PDB file of all heavy atoms in Angstrom:
ATOM      1  N   LEU A   1      -2.676   7.424   0.175  1.00  0.00           N
ATOM      2  CA  LEU A   1      -2.319   7.014  -1.174  1.00  0.00           C
ATOM      3  C   LEU A   1      -3.050   5.703  -1.465  1.00  0.00           C
ATOM      4  O   LEU A   1      -3.149   4.836  -0.598  1.00  0.00           O
ATOM      5  CB  LEU A   1      -0.810   6.788  -1.305  1.00  0.00           C
ATOM      6  CG  LEU A   1       0.100   7.991  -1.044  1.00  0.00           C
ATOM      7  CD1 LEU A   1       1.554   7.539  -1.005  1.00  0.00           C
ATOM      8  CD2 LEU A   1      -0.089   9.059  -2.112  1.00  0.00           C
ATOM      9  N   ARG A   2      -3.558   5.559  -2.689  1.00  0.00           N
ATOM     10  CA  ARG A   2      -4.258   4.345  -3.080  1.00  0.00           C
ATOM     11  C   ARG A   2      -3.422   3.644  -4.163  1.00  0.00           C
ATOM     12  O   ARG A   2      -3.084   4.238  -5.189  1.00  0.00           O
ATOM     13  CB  ARG A   2      -5.647   4.686  -3.613  1.00  0.00           C
ATOM     14  CG  ARG A   2      -6.486   3.515  -4.083  1.00  0.00           C
ATOM     15  CD  ARG A   2      -6.865   2.546  -2.998  1.00  0.00           C
ATOM     16  NE  ARG A   2      -7.352   3.186  -1.792  1.00  0.00           N
ATOM     17  CZ  ARG A   2      -8.589   3.665  -1.644  1.00  0.00           C
ATOM     18  NH1 ARG A   2      -9.459   3.576  -2.613  1.00  0.00           N
ATOM     19  NH2 ARG A   2      -8.960   4.218  -0.505  1.00  0.00           N
ATOM     20  N   TYR A   3      -3.071   2.358  -3.918  1.00  0.00           N
ATOM     21  CA  TYR A   3      -2.219   1.610  -4.835  1.00  0.00           C
ATOM     22  C   TYR A   3      -3.025   0.566  -5.603  1.00  0.00           C
ATOM     23  O   TYR A   3      -4.060   0.079  -5.128  1.00  0.00           O
ATOM     24  CB  TYR A   3      -1.106   0.902  -4.050  1.00  0.00           C
ATOM     25  CG  TYR A   3       0.018   1.817  -3.602  1.00  0.00           C
ATOM     26  CD1 TYR A   3      -0.106   2.561  -2.434  1.00  0.00           C
ATOM     27  CD2 TYR A   3       1.184   1.943  -4.342  1.00  0.00           C
ATOM     28  CE1 TYR A   3       0.912   3.406  -2.016  1.00  0.00           C
ATOM     29  CE2 TYR A   3       2.208   2.783  -3.931  1.00  0.00           C
ATOM     30  CZ  TYR A   3       2.074   3.509  -2.766  1.00  0.00           C
ATOM     31  OH  TYR A   3       3.085   4.349  -2.357  1.00  0.00           O
ATOM     32  N   GLN A   4      -2.514   0.233  -6.783  1.00  0.00           N
ATOM     33  CA  GLN A   4      -3.111  -0.818  -7.602  1.00  0.00           C
ATOM     34  C   GLN A   4      -1.995  -1.587  -8.290  1.00  0.00           C
ATOM     35  O   GLN A   4      -1.020  -0.993  -8.772  1.00  0.00           O
ATOM     36  CB  GLN A   4      -4.054  -0.221  -8.637  1.00  0.00           C
ATOM     37  CG  GLN A   4      -4.720  -1.256  -9.548  1.00  0.00           C
ATOM     38  CD  GLN A   4      -5.712  -0.620 -10.492  1.00  0.00           C
ATOM     39  OE1 GLN A   4      -6.639   0.071 -10.068  1.00  0.00           O
ATOM     40  NE2 GLN A   4      -5.534  -0.824 -11.790  1.00  0.00           N
ATOM     41  N   CYS A   5      -2.133  -2.904  -8.318  1.00  0.00           N
ATOM     42  CA  CYS A   5      -1.111  -3.738  -8.937  1.00  0.00           C
ATOM     43  C   CYS A   5      -1.285  -3.782 -10.451  1.00  0.00           C
ATOM     44  O   CYS A   5      -2.388  -3.600 -10.968  1.00  0.00           O
ATOM     45  CB  CYS A   5      -1.153  -5.155  -8.361  1.00  0.00           C
ATOM     46  SG  CYS A   5      -0.683  -5.245  -6.619  1.00  0.00           S
ATOM     47  N   ALA A   6      -0.195  -4.037 -11.121  1.00  0.00           N
ATOM     48  CA  ALA A   6      -0.220  -4.135 -12.579  1.00  0.00           C
ATOM     49  C   ALA A   6      -0.958  -5.403 -13.006  1.00  0.00           C
ATOM     50  O   ALA A   6      -1.239  -6.290 -12.192  1.00  0.00           O
ATOM     51  CB  ALA A   6       1.202  -4.145 -13.127  1.00  0.00           C
ATOM     52  N   SER A   7      -1.268  -5.454 -14.286  1.00  0.00           N
ATOM     53  CA  SER A   7      -1.943  -6.626 -14.821  1.00  0.00           C
ATOM     54  C   SER A   7      -1.089  -7.869 -14.588  1.00  0.00           C
ATOM     55  O   SER A   7       0.142  -7.815 -14.647  1.00  0.00           O
ATOM     56  CB  SER A   7      -2.200  -6.433 -16.317  1.00  0.00           C
ATOM     57  OG  SER A   7      -2.891  -7.525 -16.862  1.00  0.00           O
ATOM     58  N   PHE A   8      -1.738  -8.995 -14.306  1.00  0.00           N
ATOM     59  CA  PHE A   8      -1.104 -10.271 -14.016  1.00  0.00           C
ATOM     60  C   PHE A   8      -0.467 -10.306 -12.627  1.00  0.00           C
ATOM     61  O   PHE A   8       0.300 -11.217 -12.322  1.00  0.00           O
ATOM     62  CB  PHE A   8      -0.046 -10.629 -15.070  1.00  0.00           C
ATOM     63  CG  PHE A   8      -0.621 -10.900 -16.440  1.00  0.00           C
ATOM     64  CD1 PHE A   8      -0.616  -9.917 -17.412  1.00  0.00           C
ATOM     65  CD2 PHE A   8      -1.198 -12.118 -16.739  1.00  0.00           C
ATOM     66  CE1 PHE A   8      -1.156 -10.146 -18.665  1.00  0.00           C
ATOM     67  CE2 PHE A   8      -1.734 -12.359 -17.988  1.00  0.00           C
ATOM     68  CZ  PHE A   8      -1.723 -11.374 -18.958  1.00  0.00           C
ATOM     69  N   TYR A   9      -0.769  -9.308 -11.781  1.00  0.00           N
ATOM     70  CA  TYR A   9      -0.277  -9.313 -10.405  1.00  0.00           C
ATOM     71  C   TYR A   9      -1.453  -9.110  -9.462  1.00  0.00           C
ATOM     72  O   TYR A   9      -2.419  -8.406  -9.773  1.00  0.00           O
ATOM     73  CB  TYR A   9       0.768  -8.220 -10.184  1.00  0.00           C
ATOM     74  CG  TYR A   9       2.107  -8.541 -10.838  1.00  0.00           C
ATOM     75  CD1 TYR A   9       2.334  -8.219 -12.174  1.00  0.00           C
ATOM     76  CD2 TYR A   9       3.111  -9.172 -10.126  1.00  0.00           C
ATOM     77  CE1 TYR A   9       3.542  -8.527 -12.786  1.00  0.00           C
ATOM     78  CE2 TYR A   9       4.326  -9.474 -10.727  1.00  0.00           C
ATOM     79  CZ  TYR A   9       4.533  -9.156 -12.056  1.00  0.00           C
ATOM     80  OH  TYR A   9       5.733  -9.446 -12.656  1.00  0.00           O
ATOM     81  N   LYS A  10      -1.368  -9.709  -8.285  1.00  0.00           N
ATOM     82  CA  LYS A  10      -2.424  -9.647  -7.291  1.00  0.00           C
ATOM     83  C   LYS A  10      -1.924  -8.930  -6.047  1.00  0.00           C
ATOM     84  O   LYS A  10      -0.823  -9.196  -5.569  1.00  0.00           O
ATOM     85  CB  LYS A  10      -2.890 -11.061  -6.927  1.00  0.00           C
ATOM     86  CG  LYS A  10      -4.022 -11.102  -5.915  1.00  0.00           C
ATOM     87  CD  LYS A  10      -4.413 -12.542  -5.605  1.00  0.00           C
ATOM     88  CE  LYS A  10      -5.546 -12.601  -4.599  1.00  0.00           C
ATOM     89  NZ  LYS A  10      -5.922 -14.015  -4.283  1.00  0.00           N
ATOM     90  N   ARG A  11      -2.763  -8.023  -5.549  1.00  0.00           N
ATOM     91  CA  ARG A  11      -2.363  -7.263  -4.358  1.00  0.00           C
ATOM     92  C   ARG A  11      -2.485  -8.113  -3.106  1.00  0.00           C
ATOM     93  O   ARG A  11      -3.462  -8.805  -2.882  1.00  0.00           O
ATOM     94  CB  ARG A  11      -3.232  -6.016  -4.224  1.00  0.00           C
ATOM     95  CG  ARG A  11      -2.950  -5.213  -2.948  1.00  0.00           C
ATOM     96  CD  ARG A  11      -3.798  -3.962  -2.899  1.00  0.00           C
ATOM     97  NE  ARG A  11      -5.216  -4.231  -3.099  1.00  0.00           N
ATOM     98  CZ  ARG A  11      -6.031  -4.671  -2.136  1.00  0.00           C
ATOM     99  NH1 ARG A  11      -5.560  -4.876  -0.917  1.00  0.00           N
ATOM    100  NH2 ARG A  11      -7.297  -4.883  -2.404  1.00  0.00           N
ATOM    101  N   VAL A  12      -1.463  -8.014  -2.256  1.00  0.00           N
ATOM    102  CA  VAL A  12      -1.467  -8.654  -0.943  1.00  0.00           C
ATOM    103  C   VAL A  12      -1.260  -7.555   0.091  1.00  0.00           C
ATOM    104  O   VAL A  12      -0.260  -6.851   0.056  1.00  0.00           O
ATOM    105  CB  VAL A  12      -0.375  -9.733  -0.812  1.00  0.00           C
ATOM    106  CG1 VAL A  12      -0.380 -10.326   0.587  1.00  0.00           C
ATOM    107  CG2 VAL A  12      -0.564 -10.820  -1.859  1.00  0.00           C
ATOM    108  N   GLY A  13      -2.214  -7.398   1.008  1.00  0.00           N
ATOM    109  CA  GLY A  13      -2.115  -6.331   1.990  1.00  0.00           C
ATOM    110  C   GLY A  13      -3.061  -5.194   1.652  1.00  0.00           C
ATOM    111  O   GLY A  13      -3.841  -5.259   0.695  1.00  0.00           O
ATOM    112  N   PRO A  14      -3.006  -4.100   2.426  1.00  0.00           N
ATOM    113  CA  PRO A  14      -3.946  -2.981   2.230  1.00  0.00           C
ATOM    114  C   PRO A  14      -3.663  -2.234   0.941  1.00  0.00           C
ATOM    115  O   PRO A  14      -2.515  -2.143   0.491  1.00  0.00           O
ATOM    116  CB  PRO A  14      -3.688  -2.096   3.459  1.00  0.00           C
ATOM    117  CG  PRO A  14      -2.267  -2.373   3.822  1.00  0.00           C
ATOM    118  CD  PRO A  14      -2.037  -3.818   3.523  1.00  0.00           C
ATOM    119  N   ASP A  15      -4.730  -1.699   0.331  1.00  0.00           N
ATOM    120  CA  ASP A  15      -4.536  -0.884  -0.870  1.00  0.00           C
ATOM    121  C   ASP A  15      -4.349   0.588  -0.520  1.00  0.00           C
ATOM    122  O   ASP A  15      -3.964   1.381  -1.368  1.00  0.00           O
ATOM    123  CB  ASP A  15      -5.721  -1.038  -1.827  1.00  0.00           C
ATOM    124  CG  ASP A  15      -7.023  -0.523  -1.232  1.00  0.00           C
ATOM    125  OD1 ASP A  15      -7.073  -0.325  -0.001  1.00  0.00           O
ATOM    126  OD2 ASP A  15      -7.982  -0.322  -1.994  1.00  0.00           O
ATOM    127  N   THR A  16      -4.621   0.948   0.750  1.00  0.00           N
ATOM    128  CA  THR A  16      -4.511   2.331   1.192  1.00  0.00           C
ATOM    129  C   THR A  16      -3.323   2.493   2.137  1.00  0.00           C
ATOM    130  O   THR A  16      -3.173   1.713   3.084  1.00  0.00           O
ATOM    131  CB  THR A  16      -5.802   2.774   1.911  1.00  0.00           C
ATOM    132  OG1 THR A  16      -6.903   2.617   1.009  1.00  0.00           O
ATOM    133  CG2 THR A  16      -5.711   4.222   2.343  1.00  0.00           C
ATOM    134  N   VAL A  17      -2.492   3.484   1.877  1.00  0.00           N
ATOM    135  CA  VAL A  17      -1.313   3.760   2.708  1.00  0.00           C
ATOM    136  C   VAL A  17      -1.463   5.154   3.292  1.00  0.00           C
ATOM    137  O   VAL A  17      -1.765   6.108   2.573  1.00  0.00           O
ATOM    138  CB  VAL A  17      -0.017   3.649   1.879  1.00  0.00           C
ATOM    139  CG1 VAL A  17       1.197   4.008   2.725  1.00  0.00           C
ATOM    140  CG2 VAL A  17       0.130   2.241   1.314  1.00  0.00           C
ATOM    141  N   MET A  18      -1.269   5.264   4.607  1.00  0.00           N
ATOM    142  CA  MET A  18      -1.417   6.539   5.305  1.00  0.00           C
ATOM    143  C   MET A  18      -0.111   6.952   5.961  1.00  0.00           C
ATOM    144  O   MET A  18       0.803   6.141   6.119  1.00  0.00           O
ATOM    145  CB  MET A  18      -2.524   6.415   6.360  1.00  0.00           C
ATOM    146  CG  MET A  18      -3.890   6.131   5.773  1.00  0.00           C
ATOM    147  SD  MET A  18      -5.092   5.596   7.013  1.00  0.00           S
ATOM    148  CE  MET A  18      -4.547   3.915   7.318  1.00  0.00           C
ATOM    149  N   CYS A  19      -0.051   8.211   6.362  1.00  0.00           N
ATOM    150  CA  CYS A  19       1.143   8.768   7.003  1.00  0.00           C
ATOM    151  C   CYS A  19       0.842   9.023   8.471  1.00  0.00           C
ATOM    152  O   CYS A  19      -0.175   9.621   8.814  1.00  0.00           O
ATOM    153  CB  CYS A  19       1.554  10.072   6.302  1.00  0.00           C
ATOM    154  SG  CYS A  19       2.925  10.934   7.104  1.00  0.00           S
ATOM    155  N   TYR A  20       1.751   8.570   9.351  1.00  0.00           N
ATOM    156  CA  TYR A  20       1.597   8.794  10.780  1.00  0.00           C
ATOM    157  C   TYR A  20       2.415  10.003  11.212  1.00  0.00           C
ATOM    158  O   TYR A  20       3.382  10.411  10.548  1.00  0.00           O
ATOM    159  CB  TYR A  20       2.035   7.565  11.569  1.00  0.00           C
ATOM    160  CG  TYR A  20       1.169   6.343  11.313  1.00  0.00           C
ATOM    161  CD1 TYR A  20       1.737   5.100  11.060  1.00  0.00           C
ATOM    162  CD2 TYR A  20      -0.221   6.442  11.313  1.00  0.00           C
ATOM    163  CE1 TYR A  20       0.948   3.986  10.823  1.00  0.00           C
ATOM    164  CE2 TYR A  20      -1.010   5.339  11.085  1.00  0.00           C
ATOM    165  CZ  TYR A  20      -0.425   4.115  10.839  1.00  0.00           C
ATOM    166  OH  TYR A  20      -1.221   3.020  10.601  1.00  0.00           O
ATOM    167  N   SER A  21       2.025  10.554  12.352  1.00  0.00           N
ATOM    168  CA  SER A  21       2.695  11.746  12.857  1.00  0.00           C
ATOM    169  C   SER A  21       4.157  11.488  13.212  1.00  0.00           C
ATOM    170  O   SER A  21       4.931  12.423  13.389  1.00  0.00           O
ATOM    171  CB  SER A  21       1.949  12.272  14.086  1.00  0.00           C
ATOM    172  OG  SER A  21       1.871  11.268  15.091  1.00  0.00           O
ATOM    173  N   THR A  22       4.541  10.214  13.290  1.00  0.00           N
ATOM    174  CA  THR A  22       5.941   9.874  13.560  1.00  0.00           C
ATOM    175  C   THR A  22       6.805   9.995  12.306  1.00  0.00           C
ATOM    176  O   THR A  22       8.014   9.797  12.370  1.00  0.00           O
ATOM    177  CB  THR A  22       6.024   8.431  14.079  1.00  0.00           C
ATOM    178  OG1 THR A  22       5.437   7.546  13.111  1.00  0.00           O
ATOM    179  CG2 THR A  22       5.292   8.284  15.400  1.00  0.00           C
ATOM    180  N   GLY A  23       6.167  10.289  11.161  1.00  0.00           N
ATOM    181  CA  GLY A  23       6.908  10.357   9.907  1.00  0.00           C
ATOM    182  C   GLY A  23       7.035   9.017   9.222  1.00  0.00           C
ATOM    183  O   GLY A  23       7.747   8.900   8.214  1.00  0.00           O
ATOM    184  N   MET A  24       6.360   7.994   9.751  1.00  0.00           N
ATOM    185  CA  MET A  24       6.420   6.648   9.187  1.00  0.00           C
ATOM    186  C   MET A  24       5.158   6.373   8.372  1.00  0.00           C
ATOM    187  O   MET A  24       4.068   6.840   8.707  1.00  0.00           O
ATOM    188  CB  MET A  24       6.541   5.609  10.306  1.00  0.00           C
ATOM    189  CG  MET A  24       7.784   5.769  11.163  1.00  0.00           C
ATOM    190  SD  MET A  24       9.295   5.328  10.269  1.00  0.00           S
ATOM    191  CE  MET A  24       9.040   3.565  10.070  1.00  0.00           C
ATOM    192  N   TRP A  25       5.325   5.587   7.302  1.00  0.00           N
ATOM    193  CA  TRP A  25       4.180   5.167   6.500  1.00  0.00           C
ATOM    194  C   TRP A  25       3.530   3.952   7.141  1.00  0.00           C
ATOM    195  O   TRP A  25       4.206   3.150   7.803  1.00  0.00           O
ATOM    196  CB  TRP A  25       4.616   4.808   5.081  1.00  0.00           C
ATOM    197  CG  TRP A  25       5.061   5.974   4.246  1.00  0.00           C
ATOM    198  CD1 TRP A  25       6.335   6.343   3.963  1.00  0.00           C
ATOM    199  CD2 TRP A  25       4.216   6.926   3.600  1.00  0.00           C
ATOM    200  NE1 TRP A  25       6.352   7.467   3.175  1.00  0.00           N
ATOM    201  CE2 TRP A  25       5.061   7.849   2.926  1.00  0.00           C
ATOM    202  CE3 TRP A  25       2.831   7.094   3.506  1.00  0.00           C
ATOM    203  CZ2 TRP A  25       4.574   8.915   2.189  1.00  0.00           C
ATOM    204  CZ3 TRP A  25       2.331   8.151   2.767  1.00  0.00           C
ATOM    205  CH2 TRP A  25       3.207   9.054   2.120  1.00  0.00           C
ATOM    206  N   SER A  26       2.231   3.800   6.947  1.00  0.00           N
ATOM    207  CA  SER A  26       1.550   2.582   7.385  1.00  0.00           C
ATOM    208  C   SER A  26       1.981   1.437   6.483  1.00  0.00           C
ATOM    209  O   SER A  26       2.736   1.615   5.529  1.00  0.00           O
ATOM    210  CB  SER A  26       0.028   2.775   7.321  1.00  0.00           C
ATOM    211  OG  SER A  26      -0.398   2.973   5.984  1.00  0.00           O
ATOM    212  N   ASP A  27       1.513   0.231   6.795  1.00  0.00           N
ATOM    213  CA  ASP A  27       1.910  -0.945   6.023  1.00  0.00           C
ATOM    214  C   ASP A  27       1.584  -0.743   4.544  1.00  0.00           C
ATOM    215  O   ASP A  27       0.494  -0.280   4.200  1.00  0.00           O
ATOM    216  CB  ASP A  27       1.186  -2.191   6.544  1.00  0.00           C
ATOM    217  CG  ASP A  27       1.624  -2.560   7.949  1.00  0.00           C
ATOM    218  OD1 ASP A  27       2.742  -2.165   8.328  1.00  0.00           O
ATOM    219  OD2 ASP A  27       0.846  -3.218   8.658  1.00  0.00           O
ATOM    220  N   ILE A  28       2.525  -1.112   3.690  1.00  0.00           N
ATOM    221  CA  ILE A  28       2.322  -0.968   2.247  1.00  0.00           C
ATOM    222  C   ILE A  28       2.017  -2.329   1.639  1.00  0.00           C
ATOM    223  O   ILE A  28       2.429  -3.369   2.176  1.00  0.00           O
ATOM    224  CB  ILE A  28       3.552  -0.328   1.564  1.00  0.00           C
ATOM    225  CG1 ILE A  28       4.768  -1.239   1.697  1.00  0.00           C
ATOM    226  CG2 ILE A  28       3.838   1.045   2.144  1.00  0.00           C
ATOM    227  CD1 ILE A  28       5.971  -0.749   0.913  1.00  0.00           C
ATOM    228  N   PRO A  29       1.290  -2.365   0.539  1.00  0.00           N
ATOM    229  CA  PRO A  29       0.952  -3.650  -0.084  1.00  0.00           C
ATOM    230  C   PRO A  29       2.115  -4.205  -0.890  1.00  0.00           C
ATOM    231  O   PRO A  29       3.095  -3.502  -1.179  1.00  0.00           O
ATOM    232  CB  PRO A  29      -0.219  -3.292  -0.997  1.00  0.00           C
ATOM    233  CG  PRO A  29       0.046  -1.864  -1.383  1.00  0.00           C
ATOM    234  CD  PRO A  29       0.675  -1.225  -0.178  1.00  0.00           C
ATOM    235  N   THR A  30       2.002  -5.450  -1.246  1.00  0.00           N
ATOM    236  CA  THR A  30       2.932  -6.081  -2.175  1.00  0.00           C
ATOM    237  C   THR A  30       2.130  -6.631  -3.344  1.00  0.00           C
ATOM    238  O   THR A  30       0.951  -6.955  -3.206  1.00  0.00           O
ATOM    239  CB  THR A  30       3.719  -7.225  -1.507  1.00  0.00           C
ATOM    240  OG1 THR A  30       2.788  -8.196  -0.988  1.00  0.00           O
ATOM    241  CG2 THR A  30       4.586  -6.701  -0.375  1.00  0.00           C
ATOM    242  N   CYS A  31       2.755  -6.713  -4.496  1.00  0.00           N
ATOM    243  CA  CYS A  31       2.102  -7.227  -5.702  1.00  0.00           C
ATOM    244  C   CYS A  31       2.707  -8.584  -6.039  1.00  0.00           C
ATOM    245  O   CYS A  31       3.876  -8.669  -6.445  1.00  0.00           O
ATOM    246  CB  CYS A  31       2.259  -6.244  -6.861  1.00  0.00           C
ATOM    247  SG  CYS A  31       1.379  -4.683  -6.620  1.00  0.00           S
TER     248      CYS A  31
END
């Protein structure tokens, strides 16, 4: 999944989120 922050917000962290075989998501970004 590719994320993008709304206007007037800056992304912190990765913009790409992946799924692991454990059923857990990789680190998600914050805006």
